[in-house]
Amino acid sequence: MRAWVLLSAVLWYLTGVGWQRSSERTKKGFIYGKPGHLVKIYVKLHRNSPILVCMDFKRAEKETVDPTYLWVGPNEKPLTGNNRINITETGKLMVKDFLEPLSGLYTCTLSYKTIKAETQEEKIVKQRYDFMIFAYREPDYSYQMAVRFTTKSCIGRYNDLLFRVLKKILDNLISDLSCHVIEPSYKCHFVKIPKHHLIHELFIAFQVNPFAPGWKGACNDSVDCEDITNRNILQARDRIEEFFRSQAYIFYHDFNKTLPAMHFVDHSFQVIRMDSCRPGFGKNEVVCSPGTFSPDVDVTCQTCVSIHIYGAKSCP
């Protein structure tokens, strides 16, 4: 058999196996328990949880006689169906509109019978399944940016004028996105360019933030605005990047190599994304566990032994 024929056969077989397994385990959105193992699940804030099955995958493939299901929530009390908790007659659990306080350990005990064919003797079998569910949210994006401009001298009012005009231009460029420029700064340095004399350059740094005054108006009554603010800040980043790209094009194509004394330095634009967490959330944007809290946009949850809930924003 030729090598390419053999490879094709192997790939077809592996693809077929992978698809079948995926369709049975994940395509339906079901998550099965694992006897003796804790199953960890992360649910985005204000979204519905996946469907948790009070059964392991192997048991689900077999006949189960007289099954009963008992779900217990993080407060160690039995769960019953309501407008937020949905439990089916086959023991499947889904939590709607997931919030921080709903995080924690969810356990289910499956009880069923085995019956001997010869004697019809019944035996009750119990199996416990543990699911740890954590609320999470996307980080809030902002961008740290840096550019450089040439200047005649490090002394004089024109440097400060350029700096203020540039900030105003950038603010106007992104104002409709409820984004703005914060923490702007600049320093003037002497730079030795290969095969050139010393030149003066302004090293300008600033941050682009999606929380300009009135930013909540862009949320359109959304419960959680992070998707909107993050989409807006991405557009703001692209606009600013295009602005400086156009500056380079103008200076290096429209001035016939005669550049003004103050101009954008080509390829000097740099951008780094900075992530921050909302209060009550920590590293990896996962909700702070009991015994910890996060009061601001820090990326870590701080210790506080008196806290017994998920998502704490302060330490009593």
C-alpha atoms as a PDB file:
ATOM      1  CA  MET A   1       0.000   0.000   0.000  1.00  0.00           C
ATOM      2  CA  ARG A   2       1.341   3.434  -0.907  1.00  0.00           C
ATOM      3  CA  ALA A   3       2.260   5.697   1.997  1.00  0.00           C
ATOM      4  CA  TRP A   4      -0.219   8.437   1.068  1.00  0.00           C
ATOM      5  CA  VAL A   5      -3.049   5.894   0.860  1.00  0.00           C
ATOM      6  CA  LEU A   6      -2.156   4.519   4.291  1.00  0.00           C
ATOM      7  CA  LEU A   7      -1.945   8.021   5.754  1.00  0.00           C
ATOM      8  CA  SER A   8      -5.314   8.967   4.281  1.00  0.00           C
ATOM      9  CA  ALA A   9      -6.900   5.855   5.757  1.00  0.00           C
ATOM     10  CA  VAL A  10      -5.430   6.553   9.189  1.00  0.00           C
ATOM     11  CA  LEU A  11      -6.529  10.216   9.103  1.00  0.00           C
ATOM     12  CA  TRP A  12     -10.049   9.235   7.998  1.00  0.00           C
ATOM     13  CA  TYR A  13     -10.278   6.727  10.828  1.00  0.00           C
ATOM     14  CA  LEU A  14      -9.001   9.186  13.449  1.00  0.00           C
ATOM     15  CA  THR A  15     -11.286  11.945  12.186  1.00  0.00           C
ATOM     16  CA  GLY A  16     -14.269   9.626  12.313  1.00  0.00           C
ATOM     17  CA  VAL A  17     -13.487   8.500  15.851  1.00  0.00           C
ATOM     18  CA  GLY A  18     -12.934  12.075  17.008  1.00  0.00           C
ATOM     19  CA  TRP A  19     -16.191  13.303  15.520  1.00  0.00           C
ATOM     20  CA  GLN A  20     -18.223  10.507  17.028  1.00  0.00           C
ATOM     21  CA  ARG A  21     -16.751  11.055  20.462  1.00  0.00           C
ATOM     22  CA  SER A  22     -17.304  14.784  20.262  1.00  0.00           C
ATOM     23  CA  SER A  23     -20.926  14.402  19.223  1.00  0.00           C
ATOM     24  CA  GLU A  24     -21.686  12.108  22.138  1.00  0.00           C
ATOM     25  CA  ARG A  25     -19.844  14.006  24.868  1.00  0.00           C
ATOM     26  CA  THR A  26     -19.847  17.644  23.996  1.00  0.00           C
ATOM     27  CA  LYS A  27     -22.001  18.426  20.994  1.00  0.00           C
ATOM     28  CA  LYS A  28     -25.172  18.236  23.076  1.00  0.00           C
ATOM     29  CA  GLY A  29     -23.617  20.482  25.707  1.00  0.00           C
ATOM     30  CA  PHE A  30     -23.675  17.767  28.371  1.00  0.00           C
ATOM     31  CA  ILE A  31     -20.985  17.397  31.027  1.00  0.00           C
ATOM     32  CA  TYR A  32     -20.879  14.019  32.760  1.00  0.00           C
ATOM     33  CA  GLY A  33     -19.658  13.272  36.257  1.00  0.00           C
ATOM     34  CA  LYS A  34     -16.541  11.253  37.027  1.00  0.00           C
ATOM     35  CA  PRO A  35     -16.688   8.892  40.018  1.00  0.00           C
ATOM     36  CA  GLY A  36     -14.068   9.898  42.576  1.00  0.00           C
ATOM     37  CA  HIS A  37     -13.016  12.986  40.631  1.00  0.00           C
ATOM     38  CA  LEU A  38     -14.028  16.635  40.882  1.00  0.00           C
ATOM     39  CA  VAL A  39     -15.219  18.065  37.562  1.00  0.00           C
ATOM     40  CA  LYS A  40     -14.398  21.791  37.253  1.00  0.00           C
ATOM     41  CA  ILE A  41     -16.622  24.018  35.127  1.00  0.00           C
ATOM     42  CA  TYR A  42     -16.307  27.717  34.303  1.00  0.00           C
ATOM     43  CA  VAL A  43     -19.449  29.662  33.422  1.00  0.00           C
ATOM     44  CA  LYS A  44     -19.400  33.172  32.033  1.00  0.00           C
ATOM     45  CA  LEU A  45     -21.279  35.684  34.135  1.00  0.00           C
ATOM     46  CA  HIS A  46     -24.968  36.048  33.173  1.00  0.00           C
ATOM     47  CA  ARG A  47     -24.816  33.016  30.866  1.00  0.00           C
ATOM     48  CA  ASN A  48     -26.471  29.635  31.387  1.00  0.00           C
ATOM     49  CA  SER A  49     -24.321  26.801  32.661  1.00  0.00           C
ATOM     50  CA  PRO A  50     -23.785  23.719  30.520  1.00  0.00           C
ATOM     51  CA  ILE A  51     -26.072  20.793  31.306  1.00  0.00           C
ATOM     52  CA  LEU A  52     -24.628  18.701  34.139  1.00  0.00           C
ATOM     53  CA  VAL A  53     -25.521  15.023  34.003  1.00  0.00           C
ATOM     54  CA  CYS A  54     -25.922  13.125  37.279  1.00  0.00           C
ATOM     55  CA  MET A  55     -24.206  10.113  35.792  1.00  0.00           C
ATOM     56  CA  ASP A  56     -20.854   9.157  34.335  1.00  0.00           C
ATOM     57  CA  PHE A  57     -20.556   8.503  30.629  1.00  0.00           C
ATOM     58  CA  LYS A  58     -20.100   4.761  31.061  1.00  0.00           C
ATOM     59  CA  ARG A  59     -23.220   4.444  33.239  1.00  0.00           C
ATOM     60  CA  ALA A  60     -25.195   6.587  30.759  1.00  0.00           C
ATOM     61  CA  GLU A  61     -24.512   3.967  28.075  1.00  0.00           C
ATOM     62  CA  LYS A  62     -26.132   1.242  30.179  1.00  0.00           C
ATOM     63  CA  GLU A  63     -29.645   0.459  31.304  1.00  0.00           C
ATOM     64  CA  THR A  64     -30.463   2.048  34.673  1.00  0.00           C
ATOM     65  CA  VAL A  65     -33.384   0.733  36.732  1.00  0.00           C
ATOM     66  CA  ASP A  66     -35.463   3.023  38.963  1.00  0.00           C
ATOM     67  CA  PRO A  67     -32.966   5.890  38.989  1.00  0.00           C
ATOM     68  CA  THR A  68     -33.403   8.780  41.433  1.00  0.00           C
ATOM     69  CA  TYR A  69     -31.305  11.921  41.621  1.00  0.00           C
ATOM     70  CA  LEU A  70     -30.509  14.235  44.513  1.00  0.00           C
ATOM     71  CA  TRP A  71     -28.739  17.492  43.741  1.00  0.00           C
ATOM     72  CA  VAL A  72     -27.157  19.526  46.554  1.00  0.00           C
ATOM     73  CA  GLY A  73     -25.965  23.105  45.987  1.00  0.00           C
ATOM     74  CA  PRO A  74     -23.075  25.157  47.387  1.00  0.00           C
ATOM     75  CA  ASN A  75     -25.114  25.972  50.503  1.00  0.00           C
ATOM     76  CA  GLU A  76     -25.303  22.216  51.222  1.00  0.00           C
ATOM     77  CA  LYS A  77     -29.085  22.234  50.811  1.00  0.00           C
ATOM     78  CA  PRO A  78     -31.029  20.081  48.315  1.00  0.00           C
ATOM     79  CA  LEU A  79     -31.744  21.866  45.047  1.00  0.00           C
ATOM     80  CA  THR A  80     -35.247  22.150  43.662  1.00  0.00           C
ATOM     81  CA  GLY A  81     -36.358  23.570  40.361  1.00  0.00           C
ATOM     82  CA  ASN A  82     -37.117  27.312  40.165  1.00  0.00           C
ATOM     83  CA  ASN A  83     -36.706  30.199  37.754  1.00  0.00           C
ATOM     84  CA  ARG A  84     -32.918  29.883  37.995  1.00  0.00           C
ATOM     85  CA  ILE A  85     -32.359  26.172  38.677  1.00  0.00           C
ATOM     86  CA  ASN A  86     -33.603  23.709  36.078  1.00  0.00           C
ATOM     87  CA  ILE A  87     -33.557  19.999  37.025  1.00  0.00           C
ATOM     88  CA  THR A  88     -35.047  17.430  34.642  1.00  0.00           C
ATOM     89  CA  GLU A  89     -36.659  14.127  35.578  1.00  0.00           C
ATOM     90  CA  THR A  90     -33.551  12.388  34.247  1.00  0.00           C
ATOM     91  CA  GLY A  91     -31.293  14.233  36.684  1.00  0.00           C
ATOM     92  CA  LYS A  92     -29.833  16.874  34.393  1.00  0.00           C
ATOM     93  CA  LEU A  93     -29.056  20.250  35.980  1.00  0.00           C
ATOM     94  CA  MET A  94     -28.693  23.660  34.375  1.00  0.00           C
ATOM     95  CA  VAL A  95     -28.219  26.971  36.207  1.00  0.00           C
ATOM     96  CA  LYS A  96     -29.593  29.997  34.357  1.00  0.00           C
ATOM     97  CA  ASP A  97     -28.137  33.513  34.366  1.00  0.00           C
ATOM     98  CA  PHE A  98     -25.110  32.451  36.404  1.00  0.00           C
ATOM     99  CA  LEU A  99     -23.914  34.923  39.059  1.00  0.00           C
ATOM    100  CA  GLU A 100     -20.909  35.083  41.412  1.00  0.00           C
ATOM    101  CA  PRO A 101     -22.750  33.774  44.533  1.00  0.00           C
ATOM    102  CA  LEU A 102     -23.850  30.678  42.609  1.00  0.00           C
ATOM    103  CA  SER A 103     -20.232  29.500  42.377  1.00  0.00           C
ATOM    104  CA  GLY A 104     -19.249  26.506  44.447  1.00  0.00           C
ATOM    105  CA  LEU A 105     -19.636  22.750  44.815  1.00  0.00           C
ATOM    106  CA  TYR A 106     -22.631  21.029  43.248  1.00  0.00           C
ATOM    107  CA  THR A 107     -23.039  17.363  44.123  1.00  0.00           C
ATOM    108  CA  CYS A 108     -25.465  14.796  42.830  1.00  0.00           C
ATOM    109  CA  THR A 109     -26.208  11.356  44.236  1.00  0.00           C
ATOM    110  CA  LEU A 110     -27.514   8.815  41.769  1.00  0.00           C
ATOM    111  CA  SER A 111     -29.457   5.912  43.247  1.00  0.00           C
ATOM    112  CA  TYR A 112     -30.544   2.950  41.136  1.00  0.00           C
ATOM    113  CA  LYS A 113     -31.311  -0.755  41.433  1.00  0.00           C
ATOM    114  CA  THR A 114     -29.624  -3.887  40.191  1.00  0.00           C
ATOM    115  CA  ILE A 115     -31.881  -6.946  39.884  1.00  0.00           C
ATOM    116  CA  LYS A 116     -30.672 -10.540  39.713  1.00  0.00           C
ATOM    117  CA  ALA A 117     -32.491 -12.355  36.933  1.00  0.00           C
ATOM    118  CA  GLU A 118     -32.691 -15.690  38.775  1.00  0.00           C
ATOM    119  CA  THR A 119     -34.022 -14.509  42.130  1.00  0.00           C
ATOM    120  CA  GLN A 120     -35.318 -11.019  41.290  1.00  0.00           C
ATOM    121  CA  GLU A 121     -33.316  -9.854  44.285  1.00  0.00           C
ATOM    122  CA  GLU A 122     -32.973  -6.079  44.285  1.00  0.00           C
ATOM    123  CA  LYS A 123     -29.959  -4.123  45.423  1.00  0.00           C
ATOM    124  CA  ILE A 124     -29.729  -0.339  45.695  1.00  0.00           C
ATOM    125  CA  VAL A 125     -26.536   1.216  44.349  1.00  0.00           C
ATOM    126  CA  LYS A 126     -25.520   4.812  45.052  1.00  0.00           C
ATOM    127  CA  GLN A 127     -22.907   6.909  43.254  1.00  0.00           C
ATOM    128  CA  ARG A 128     -21.912  10.493  44.015  1.00  0.00           C
ATOM    129  CA  TYR A 129     -20.709  13.003  41.409  1.00  0.00           C
ATOM    130  CA  ASP A 130     -19.020  16.303  42.268  1.00  0.00           C
ATOM    131  CA  PHE A 131     -19.007  19.404  40.057  1.00  0.00           C
ATOM    132  CA  MET A 132     -17.202  22.616  41.025  1.00  0.00           C
ATOM    133  CA  ILE A 133     -18.657  25.586  39.131  1.00  0.00           C
ATOM    134  CA  PHE A 134     -16.891  28.952  38.972  1.00  0.00           C
ATOM    135  CA  ALA A 135     -18.254  32.215  37.570  1.00  0.00           C
ATOM    136  CA  TYR A 136     -15.857  34.077  35.318  1.00  0.00           C
ATOM    137  CA  ARG A 137     -15.919  37.175  33.174  1.00  0.00           C
ATOM    138  CA  GLU A 138     -13.802  38.542  30.370  1.00  0.00           C
ATOM    139  CA  PRO A 139     -11.106  40.991  31.470  1.00  0.00           C
ATOM    140  CA  ASP A 140     -11.538  44.671  30.733  1.00  0.00           C
ATOM    141  CA  TYR A 141      -9.132  45.608  27.955  1.00  0.00           C
ATOM    142  CA  SER A 142      -7.100  48.769  27.744  1.00  0.00           C
ATOM    143  CA  TYR A 143      -4.043  49.546  25.625  1.00  0.00           C
ATOM    144  CA  GLN A 144      -0.708  51.078  26.528  1.00  0.00           C
ATOM    145  CA  MET A 145       0.698  52.848  23.490  1.00  0.00           C
ATOM    146  CA  ALA A 146       3.949  54.600  22.658  1.00  0.00           C
ATOM    147  CA  VAL A 147       5.075  56.717  19.681  1.00  0.00           C
ATOM    148  CA  ARG A 148       7.985  58.960  18.827  1.00  0.00           C
ATOM    149  CA  PHE A 149       8.173  62.330  17.090  1.00  0.00           C
ATOM    150  CA  THR A 150      11.227  64.249  15.977  1.00  0.00           C
ATOM    151  CA  THR A 151      11.655  67.789  17.276  1.00  0.00           C
ATOM    152  CA  LYS A 152      14.056  70.685  16.792  1.00  0.00           C
ATOM    153  CA  SER A 153      15.031  70.906  20.419  1.00  0.00           C
ATOM    154  CA  CYS A 154      14.214  69.503  23.820  1.00  0.00           C
ATOM    155  CA  ILE A 155      13.675  73.071  25.011  1.00  0.00           C
ATOM    156  CA  GLY A 156      10.751  75.211  23.986  1.00  0.00           C
ATOM    157  CA  ARG A 157       6.986  75.379  24.071  1.00  0.00           C
ATOM    158  CA  TYR A 158       6.406  73.616  20.759  1.00  0.00           C
ATOM    159  CA  ASN A 159       6.977  70.181  22.261  1.00  0.00           C
ATOM    160  CA  ASP A 160       4.247  70.725  24.813  1.00  0.00           C
ATOM    161  CA  LEU A 161       1.963  72.146  22.120  1.00  0.00           C
ATOM    162  CA  LEU A 162       2.455  69.079  19.908  1.00  0.00           C
ATOM    163  CA  PHE A 163       1.765  66.833  22.875  1.00  0.00           C
ATOM    164  CA  ARG A 164      -1.513  68.562  23.748  1.00  0.00           C
ATOM    165  CA  VAL A 165      -2.686  68.730  20.128  1.00  0.00           C
ATOM    166  CA  LEU A 166      -1.928  65.051  19.595  1.00  0.00           C
ATOM    167  CA  LYS A 167      -3.921  64.054  22.678  1.00  0.00           C
ATOM    168  CA  LYS A 168      -6.882  66.140  21.522  1.00  0.00           C
ATOM    169  CA  ILE A 169      -6.793  64.583  18.065  1.00  0.00           C
ATOM    170  CA  LEU A 170      -6.721  61.058  19.475  1.00  0.00           C
ATOM    171  CA  ASP A 171      -9.530  61.779  21.937  1.00  0.00           C
ATOM    172  CA  ASN A 172     -11.703  63.134  19.111  1.00  0.00           C
ATOM    173  CA  LEU A 173     -10.855  60.119  16.980  1.00  0.00           C
ATOM    174  CA  ILE A 174     -12.298  57.653  19.503  1.00  0.00           C
ATOM    175  CA  SER A 175     -14.841  59.734  21.437  1.00  0.00           C
ATOM    176  CA  ASP A 176     -17.862  58.108  19.712  1.00  0.00           C
ATOM    177  CA  LEU A 177     -16.659  54.757  21.077  1.00  0.00           C
ATOM    178  CA  SER A 178     -16.797  56.045  24.689  1.00  0.00           C
ATOM    179  CA  CYS A 179     -13.009  55.633  24.855  1.00  0.00           C
ATOM    180  CA  HIS A 180     -10.412  58.219  25.821  1.00  0.00           C
ATOM    181  CA  VAL A 181      -6.698  58.793  26.318  1.00  0.00           C
ATOM    182  CA  ILE A 182      -5.458  58.713  29.911  1.00  0.00           C
ATOM    183  CA  GLU A 183      -2.090  59.047  31.663  1.00  0.00           C
ATOM    184  CA  PRO A 184      -0.337  60.755  28.737  1.00  0.00           C
ATOM    185  CA  SER A 185       3.320  61.681  29.177  1.00  0.00           C
ATOM    186  CA  TYR A 186       6.382  62.504  27.122  1.00  0.00           C
ATOM    187  CA  LYS A 187      10.128  62.918  27.474  1.00  0.00           C
ATOM    188  CA  CYS A 188      12.652  64.370  25.100  1.00  0.00           C
ATOM    189  CA  HIS A 189      15.828  62.407  24.338  1.00  0.00           C
ATOM    190  CA  PHE A 190      18.930  62.703  22.172  1.00  0.00           C
ATOM    191  CA  VAL A 191      19.075  59.847  19.690  1.00  0.00           C
ATOM    192  CA  LYS A 192      22.091  58.828  17.585  1.00  0.00           C
ATOM    193  CA  ILE A 193      20.926  57.369  14.290  1.00  0.00           C
ATOM    194  CA  PRO A 194      23.458  55.276  12.324  1.00  0.00           C
ATOM    195  CA  LYS A 195      25.175  57.436   9.672  1.00  0.00           C
ATOM    196  CA  HIS A 196      23.420  60.544  11.034  1.00  0.00           C
ATOM    197  CA  HIS A 197      24.062  63.181  13.658  1.00  0.00           C
ATOM    198  CA  LEU A 198      22.289  63.354  16.991  1.00  0.00           C
ATOM    199  CA  ILE A 199      18.608  64.190  16.678  1.00  0.00           C
ATOM    200  CA  HIS A 200      15.997  65.138  19.244  1.00  0.00           C
ATOM    201  CA  GLU A 201      12.979  62.920  19.676  1.00  0.00           C
ATOM    202  CA  LEU A 202       9.881  63.051  21.839  1.00  0.00           C
ATOM    203  CA  PHE A 203       9.053  59.683  23.406  1.00  0.00           C
ATOM    204  CA  ILE A 204       5.284  59.860  23.956  1.00  0.00           C
ATOM    205  CA  ALA A 205       3.320  57.314  25.994  1.00  0.00           C
ATOM    206  CA  PHE A 206      -0.381  57.077  26.787  1.00  0.00           C
ATOM    207  CA  GLN A 207      -3.103  54.618  27.649  1.00  0.00           C
ATOM    208  CA  VAL A 208      -6.373  54.137  25.779  1.00  0.00           C
ATOM    209  CA  ASN A 209      -9.222  53.319  28.133  1.00  0.00           C
ATOM    210  CA  PRO A 210     -12.851  52.299  27.337  1.00  0.00           C
ATOM    211  CA  PHE A 211     -14.405  54.130  30.293  1.00  0.00           C
ATOM    212  CA  ALA A 212     -14.697  57.715  29.132  1.00  0.00           C
ATOM    213  CA  PRO A 213     -17.297  59.860  30.953  1.00  0.00           C
ATOM    214  CA  GLY A 214     -20.748  58.574  30.022  1.00  0.00           C
ATOM    215  CA  TRP A 215     -19.474  55.162  28.892  1.00  0.00           C
ATOM    216  CA  LYS A 216     -22.430  53.356  30.490  1.00  0.00           C
ATOM    217  CA  GLY A 217     -24.707  54.955  27.914  1.00  0.00           C
ATOM    218  CA  ALA A 218     -23.119  52.705  25.279  1.00  0.00           C
ATOM    219  CA  CYS A 219     -24.224  49.597  27.142  1.00  0.00           C
ATOM    220  CA  ASN A 220     -27.829  49.804  25.871  1.00  0.00           C
ATOM    221  CA  ASP A 221     -29.189  48.563  29.215  1.00  0.00           C
ATOM    222  CA  SER A 222     -26.976  45.466  28.990  1.00  0.00           C
ATOM    223  CA  VAL A 223     -26.556  43.705  32.344  1.00  0.00           C
ATOM    224  CA  ASP A 224     -22.885  43.102  31.667  1.00  0.00           C
ATOM    225  CA  CYS A 225     -21.203  45.664  29.424  1.00  0.00           C
ATOM    226  CA  GLU A 226     -17.783  44.043  29.086  1.00  0.00           C
ATOM    227  CA  ASP A 227     -18.456  42.677  25.590  1.00  0.00           C
ATOM    228  CA  ILE A 228     -19.455  46.143  24.383  1.00  0.00           C
ATOM    229  CA  THR A 229     -16.567  48.011  26.051  1.00  0.00           C
ATOM    230  CA  ASN A 230     -14.036  45.467  24.819  1.00  0.00           C
ATOM    231  CA  ARG A 231     -15.393  45.694  21.277  1.00  0.00           C
ATOM    232  CA  ASN A 232     -15.198  49.485  21.446  1.00  0.00           C
ATOM    233  CA  ILE A 233     -11.616  49.508  22.724  1.00  0.00           C
ATOM    234  CA  LEU A 234     -10.557  47.167  19.913  1.00  0.00           C
ATOM    235  CA  GLN A 235     -12.021  49.594  17.387  1.00  0.00           C
ATOM    236  CA  ALA A 236     -10.265  52.480  19.149  1.00  0.00           C
ATOM    237  CA  ARG A 237      -6.962  50.637  18.933  1.00  0.00           C
ATOM    238  CA  ASP A 238      -7.435  50.026  15.207  1.00  0.00           C
ATOM    239  CA  ARG A 239      -8.323  53.674  14.533  1.00  0.00           C
ATOM    240  CA  ILE A 240      -5.262  54.978  16.361  1.00  0.00           C
ATOM    241  CA  GLU A 241      -3.011  52.473  14.643  1.00  0.00           C
ATOM    242  CA  GLU A 242      -4.402  53.539  11.268  1.00  0.00           C
ATOM    243  CA  PHE A 243      -3.907  57.204  12.197  1.00  0.00           C
ATOM    244  CA  PHE A 244      -0.181  56.761  12.820  1.00  0.00           C
ATOM    245  CA  ARG A 245       0.159  54.547   9.776  1.00  0.00           C
ATOM    246  CA  SER A 246      -1.305  57.357   7.685  1.00  0.00           C
ATOM    247  CA  GLN A 247       1.127  59.826   9.295  1.00  0.00           C
ATOM    248  CA  ALA A 248       4.031  57.752   8.124  1.00  0.00           C
ATOM    249  CA  TYR A 249       2.589  57.529   4.619  1.00  0.00           C
ATOM    250  CA  ILE A 250       1.981  61.276   4.386  1.00  0.00           C
ATOM    251  CA  PHE A 251       5.451  62.273   5.559  1.00  0.00           C
ATOM    252  CA  TYR A 252       7.334  59.736   3.486  1.00  0.00           C
ATOM    253  CA  HIS A 253       5.306  60.065   0.278  1.00  0.00           C
ATOM    254  CA  ASP A 254       3.861  63.579   0.111  1.00  0.00           C
ATOM    255  CA  PHE A 255       6.791  65.708   1.208  1.00  0.00           C
ATOM    256  CA  ASN A 256       9.273  64.594  -1.461  1.00  0.00           C
ATOM    257  CA  LYS A 257      11.737  63.605   1.227  1.00  0.00           C
ATOM    258  CA  THR A 258      11.688  67.110   2.736  1.00  0.00           C
ATOM    259  CA  LEU A 259      10.278  66.454   6.181  1.00  0.00           C
ATOM    260  CA  PRO A 260       9.076  69.036   8.694  1.00  0.00           C
ATOM    261  CA  ALA A 261      11.187  69.398  11.809  1.00  0.00           C
ATOM    262  CA  MET A 262       8.479  67.769  13.935  1.00  0.00           C
ATOM    263  CA  HIS A 263       7.117  64.569  12.446  1.00  0.00           C
ATOM    264  CA  PHE A 264       6.126  61.045  13.337  1.00  0.00           C
ATOM    265  CA  VAL A 265       8.994  58.541  13.414  1.00  0.00           C
ATOM    266  CA  ASP A 266       8.075  55.657  11.131  1.00  0.00           C
ATOM    267  CA  HIS A 267       7.719  52.244  12.822  1.00  0.00           C
ATOM    268  CA  SER A 268       7.826  53.814  16.295  1.00  0.00           C
ATOM    269  CA  PHE A 269       4.219  53.013  17.148  1.00  0.00           C
ATOM    270  CA  GLN A 270       3.978  50.300  19.828  1.00  0.00           C
ATOM    271  CA  VAL A 271       0.918  48.868  21.541  1.00  0.00           C
ATOM    272  CA  ILE A 272       0.461  46.430  24.413  1.00  0.00           C
ATOM    273  CA  ARG A 273      -2.866  45.139  25.677  1.00  0.00           C
ATOM    274  CA  MET A 274      -3.429  45.438  29.420  1.00  0.00           C
ATOM    275  CA  ASP A 275      -6.071  43.337  31.153  1.00  0.00           C
ATOM    276  CA  SER A 276      -7.767  44.253  34.399  1.00  0.00           C
ATOM    277  CA  CYS A 277     -10.294  42.424  36.559  1.00  0.00           C
ATOM    278  CA  ARG A 278     -13.539  43.787  37.944  1.00  0.00           C
ATOM    279  CA  PRO A 279     -13.933  43.876  41.743  1.00  0.00           C
ATOM    280  CA  GLY A 280     -14.698  40.394  43.073  1.00  0.00           C
ATOM    281  CA  PHE A 281     -12.616  38.671  40.398  1.00  0.00           C
ATOM    282  CA  GLY A 282      -8.963  37.731  40.336  1.00  0.00           C
ATOM    283  CA  LYS A 283      -6.333  36.027  38.225  1.00  0.00           C
ATOM    284  CA  ASN A 284      -7.635  34.503  34.988  1.00  0.00           C
ATOM    285  CA  GLU A 285     -10.841  36.491  35.572  1.00  0.00           C
ATOM    286  CA  VAL A 286     -12.234  33.731  37.831  1.00  0.00           C
ATOM    287  CA  VAL A 287     -14.423  34.751  40.758  1.00  0.00           C
ATOM    288  CA  CYS A 288     -12.647  35.160  44.121  1.00  0.00           C
ATOM    289  CA  SER A 289     -13.212  32.128  46.363  1.00  0.00           C
ATOM    290  CA  PRO A 290     -14.365  32.208  50.001  1.00  0.00           C
ATOM    291  CA  GLY A 291     -11.561  33.566  52.187  1.00  0.00           C
ATOM    292  CA  THR A 292     -10.469  36.056  49.506  1.00  0.00           C
ATOM    293  CA  PHE A 293     -11.655  39.336  47.966  1.00  0.00           C
ATOM    294  CA  SER A 294     -10.728  41.846  45.281  1.00  0.00           C
ATOM    295  CA  PRO A 295     -11.710  45.502  45.865  1.00  0.00           C
ATOM    296  CA  ASP A 296     -10.491  47.035  42.612  1.00  0.00           C
ATOM    297  CA  VAL A 297      -8.963  46.193  39.232  1.00  0.00           C
ATOM    298  CA  ASP A 298      -6.090  44.210  40.738  1.00  0.00           C
ATOM    299  CA  VAL A 299      -5.373  40.829  39.137  1.00  0.00           C
ATOM    300  CA  THR A 300      -5.128  38.948  42.422  1.00  0.00           C
ATOM    301  CA  CYS A 301      -7.637  38.039  45.113  1.00  0.00           C
ATOM    302  CA  GLN A 302      -6.443  39.114  48.561  1.00  0.00           C
ATOM    303  CA  THR A 303      -6.818  36.993  51.701  1.00  0.00           C
ATOM    304  CA  CYS A 304      -9.627  37.713  54.184  1.00  0.00           C
ATOM    305  CA  VAL A 305     -10.527  34.804  56.482  1.00  0.00           C
ATOM    306  CA  SER A 306     -13.894  36.294  57.506  1.00  0.00           C
ATOM    307  CA  ILE A 307     -15.320  36.007  53.977  1.00  0.00           C
ATOM    308  CA  HIS A 308     -17.507  32.981  53.303  1.00  0.00           C
ATOM    309  CA  ILE A 309     -18.906  33.817  49.858  1.00  0.00           C
ATOM    310  CA  TYR A 310     -17.701  33.889  46.268  1.00  0.00           C
ATOM    311  CA  GLY A 311     -17.036  37.201  44.534  1.00  0.00           C
ATOM    312  CA  ALA A 312     -16.378  39.368  47.596  1.00  0.00           C
ATOM    313  CA  LYS A 313     -15.405  42.959  46.851  1.00  0.00           C
ATOM    314  CA  SER A 314     -14.376  43.987  50.359  1.00  0.00           C
ATOM    315  CA  CYS A 315     -13.130  42.522  53.624  1.00  0.00           C
ATOM    316  CA  PRO A 316     -15.449  43.179  56.591  1.00  0.00           C
END
